[in-house]
């Protein structure tokens, strides 16, 4: 029961069995939620970098 987790993506509430060796899986699946979340965070970081003026 301890290995059942809720997906870490904002738009997803799926539950999954974390069978990773380190028991640190965050998303129900990488293609479905993990990659989308990572892409969104990366794009937000890039936009923030473009908004700050260079010295």
N, C-alpha and C. Protein backbone atom coordinates (compact mmCIF):
# COMPACT_ATOMS: atom_id res chain seq x y z
N UNK A 1 0.81 -1.19 0.00
CA UNK A 1 0.00 0.00 0.00
C UNK A 1 0.86 1.27 0.00
N UNK A 2 2.03 1.19 0.58
CA UNK A 2 2.89 2.38 0.63
C UNK A 2 3.37 2.82 -0.74
N UNK A 3 3.36 1.91 -1.69
CA UNK A 3 3.87 2.24 -3.02
C UNK A 3 2.81 2.87 -3.93
N UNK A 4 1.57 2.94 -3.47
CA UNK A 4 0.53 3.59 -4.27
C UNK A 4 0.66 5.09 -4.08
N UNK A 5 0.78 5.79 -5.21
CA UNK A 5 0.97 7.24 -5.18
C UNK A 5 0.00 7.92 -6.11
N UNK A 6 -0.16 9.22 -5.93
CA UNK A 6 -0.98 10.05 -6.81
C UNK A 6 -0.03 10.79 -7.73
N UNK A 7 -0.39 10.87 -9.00
CA UNK A 7 0.44 11.55 -10.00
C UNK A 7 0.70 13.00 -9.57
N UNK A 8 1.91 13.48 -9.80
CA UNK A 8 2.31 14.82 -9.40
C UNK A 8 1.93 15.92 -10.37
N UNK A 9 1.36 15.57 -11.52
CA UNK A 9 0.95 16.59 -12.49
C UNK A 9 -0.30 17.31 -11.98
N UNK A 10 -0.40 18.60 -12.28
CA UNK A 10 -1.52 19.41 -11.81
C UNK A 10 -2.86 18.94 -12.37
N UNK A 11 -2.89 18.55 -13.62
CA UNK A 11 -4.14 18.18 -14.28
C UNK A 11 -4.48 16.70 -14.15
N UNK A 12 -3.68 15.94 -13.46
CA UNK A 12 -3.88 14.50 -13.38
C UNK A 12 -4.04 14.07 -11.93
N UNK A 13 -4.95 13.16 -11.70
CA UNK A 13 -5.16 12.64 -10.34
C UNK A 13 -5.09 11.12 -10.32
N UNK A 14 -4.46 10.55 -11.35
CA UNK A 14 -4.35 9.09 -11.40
C UNK A 14 -3.48 8.57 -10.27
N UNK A 15 -3.74 7.37 -9.87
CA UNK A 15 -2.93 6.69 -8.88
C UNK A 15 -2.13 5.59 -9.58
N UNK A 16 -0.95 5.32 -9.09
CA UNK A 16 -0.11 4.31 -9.71
C UNK A 16 0.71 3.62 -8.63
N UNK A 17 1.18 2.44 -8.96
CA UNK A 17 2.07 1.70 -8.07
C UNK A 17 3.51 2.07 -8.39
N UNK A 18 4.19 2.65 -7.43
CA UNK A 18 5.58 3.05 -7.63
C UNK A 18 6.47 1.82 -7.45
N UNK A 19 6.93 1.28 -8.55
CA UNK A 19 7.79 0.09 -8.51
C UNK A 19 9.24 0.43 -8.82
N UNK A 20 9.56 1.72 -8.78
CA UNK A 20 10.94 2.12 -9.03
C UNK A 20 11.83 1.67 -7.87
N UNK A 21 13.09 1.36 -8.13
CA UNK A 21 13.98 0.88 -7.07
C UNK A 21 14.14 1.88 -5.92
N UNK A 22 14.17 3.17 -6.23
CA UNK A 22 14.36 4.19 -5.20
C UNK A 22 13.04 4.68 -4.61
N UNK A 23 11.94 4.18 -5.16
CA UNK A 23 10.59 4.58 -4.71
C UNK A 23 10.39 6.09 -4.75
N UNK A 24 10.82 6.71 -5.87
CA UNK A 24 10.70 8.16 -5.98
C UNK A 24 10.00 8.60 -7.27
N UNK A 25 9.22 7.73 -7.85
CA UNK A 25 8.50 8.06 -9.08
C UNK A 25 7.47 9.14 -8.78
N UNK A 26 7.32 10.13 -9.69
CA UNK A 26 6.44 11.26 -9.44
C UNK A 26 5.21 11.28 -10.32
N UNK A 27 5.29 10.69 -11.52
CA UNK A 27 4.20 10.80 -12.47
C UNK A 27 3.64 9.43 -12.82
N UNK A 28 2.37 9.41 -13.24
CA UNK A 28 1.74 8.14 -13.62
C UNK A 28 2.49 7.52 -14.81
N UNK A 29 2.92 8.35 -15.75
CA UNK A 29 3.77 7.88 -16.85
C UNK A 29 4.56 9.06 -17.37
N UNK A 30 5.74 8.81 -17.84
CA UNK A 30 6.58 9.89 -18.35
C UNK A 30 5.98 10.51 -19.62
N UNK A 31 5.53 9.72 -20.60
CA UNK A 31 4.96 10.35 -21.80
C UNK A 31 3.67 11.13 -21.53
N UNK A 32 2.87 10.65 -20.62
CA UNK A 32 1.58 11.31 -20.38
C UNK A 32 1.73 12.57 -19.54
N UNK A 33 2.38 12.50 -18.42
CA UNK A 33 2.42 13.64 -17.49
C UNK A 33 3.83 14.18 -17.23
N UNK A 34 4.79 13.31 -17.09
CA UNK A 34 6.15 13.74 -16.74
C UNK A 34 6.77 14.66 -17.76
N UNK A 35 6.74 14.28 -19.02
CA UNK A 35 7.34 15.10 -20.06
C UNK A 35 6.60 16.42 -20.21
N UNK A 36 5.28 16.40 -20.13
CA UNK A 36 4.50 17.64 -20.23
C UNK A 36 4.84 18.60 -19.10
N UNK A 37 4.96 18.08 -17.90
CA UNK A 37 5.30 18.93 -16.76
C UNK A 37 6.69 19.50 -16.90
N UNK A 38 7.65 18.67 -17.28
CA UNK A 38 9.02 19.14 -17.44
C UNK A 38 9.11 20.18 -18.55
N UNK A 39 8.40 19.98 -19.64
CA UNK A 39 8.39 20.93 -20.75
C UNK A 39 7.81 22.26 -20.30
N UNK A 40 6.69 22.22 -19.60
CA UNK A 40 6.04 23.45 -19.12
C UNK A 40 6.97 24.22 -18.18
N UNK A 41 7.63 23.53 -17.26
CA UNK A 41 8.55 24.19 -16.34
C UNK A 41 9.76 24.78 -17.07
N UNK A 42 10.26 24.07 -18.06
CA UNK A 42 11.40 24.56 -18.83
C UNK A 42 11.02 25.82 -19.60
N UNK A 43 9.86 25.80 -20.25
CA UNK A 43 9.42 26.97 -21.01
C UNK A 43 9.18 28.17 -20.10
N UNK A 44 8.65 27.95 -18.92
CA UNK A 44 8.44 29.03 -17.97
C UNK A 44 9.78 29.63 -17.54
N UNK A 45 10.77 28.78 -17.32
CA UNK A 45 12.10 29.25 -16.95
C UNK A 45 12.76 30.04 -18.07
N UNK A 46 12.57 29.59 -19.31
CA UNK A 46 13.12 30.29 -20.45
C UNK A 46 12.47 31.66 -20.61
N UNK A 47 11.16 31.74 -20.43
CA UNK A 47 10.45 33.01 -20.55
C UNK A 47 10.92 33.98 -19.46
N UNK A 48 11.17 33.46 -18.26
CA UNK A 48 11.65 34.29 -17.17
C UNK A 48 13.03 34.83 -17.48
N UNK A 49 13.89 34.02 -18.08
CA UNK A 49 15.23 34.46 -18.43
C UNK A 49 15.20 35.55 -19.51
N UNK A 50 14.27 35.46 -20.43
CA UNK A 50 14.15 36.45 -21.50
C UNK A 50 13.60 37.77 -20.98
N UNK A 51 12.83 37.73 -19.91
CA UNK A 51 12.22 38.93 -19.35
C UNK A 51 13.19 39.75 -18.51
N UNK A 52 14.24 39.14 -18.00
CA UNK A 52 15.20 39.86 -17.16
C UNK A 52 16.25 40.52 -18.04
N UNK A 53 16.53 41.81 -17.79
CA UNK A 53 17.54 42.50 -18.61
C UNK A 53 18.95 42.02 -18.26
N UNK A 54 19.80 41.99 -19.26
CA UNK A 54 21.19 41.60 -19.07
C UNK A 54 21.98 42.78 -18.56
N UNK A 55 22.99 42.52 -17.73
CA UNK A 55 23.82 43.60 -17.18
C UNK A 55 24.88 44.00 -18.15
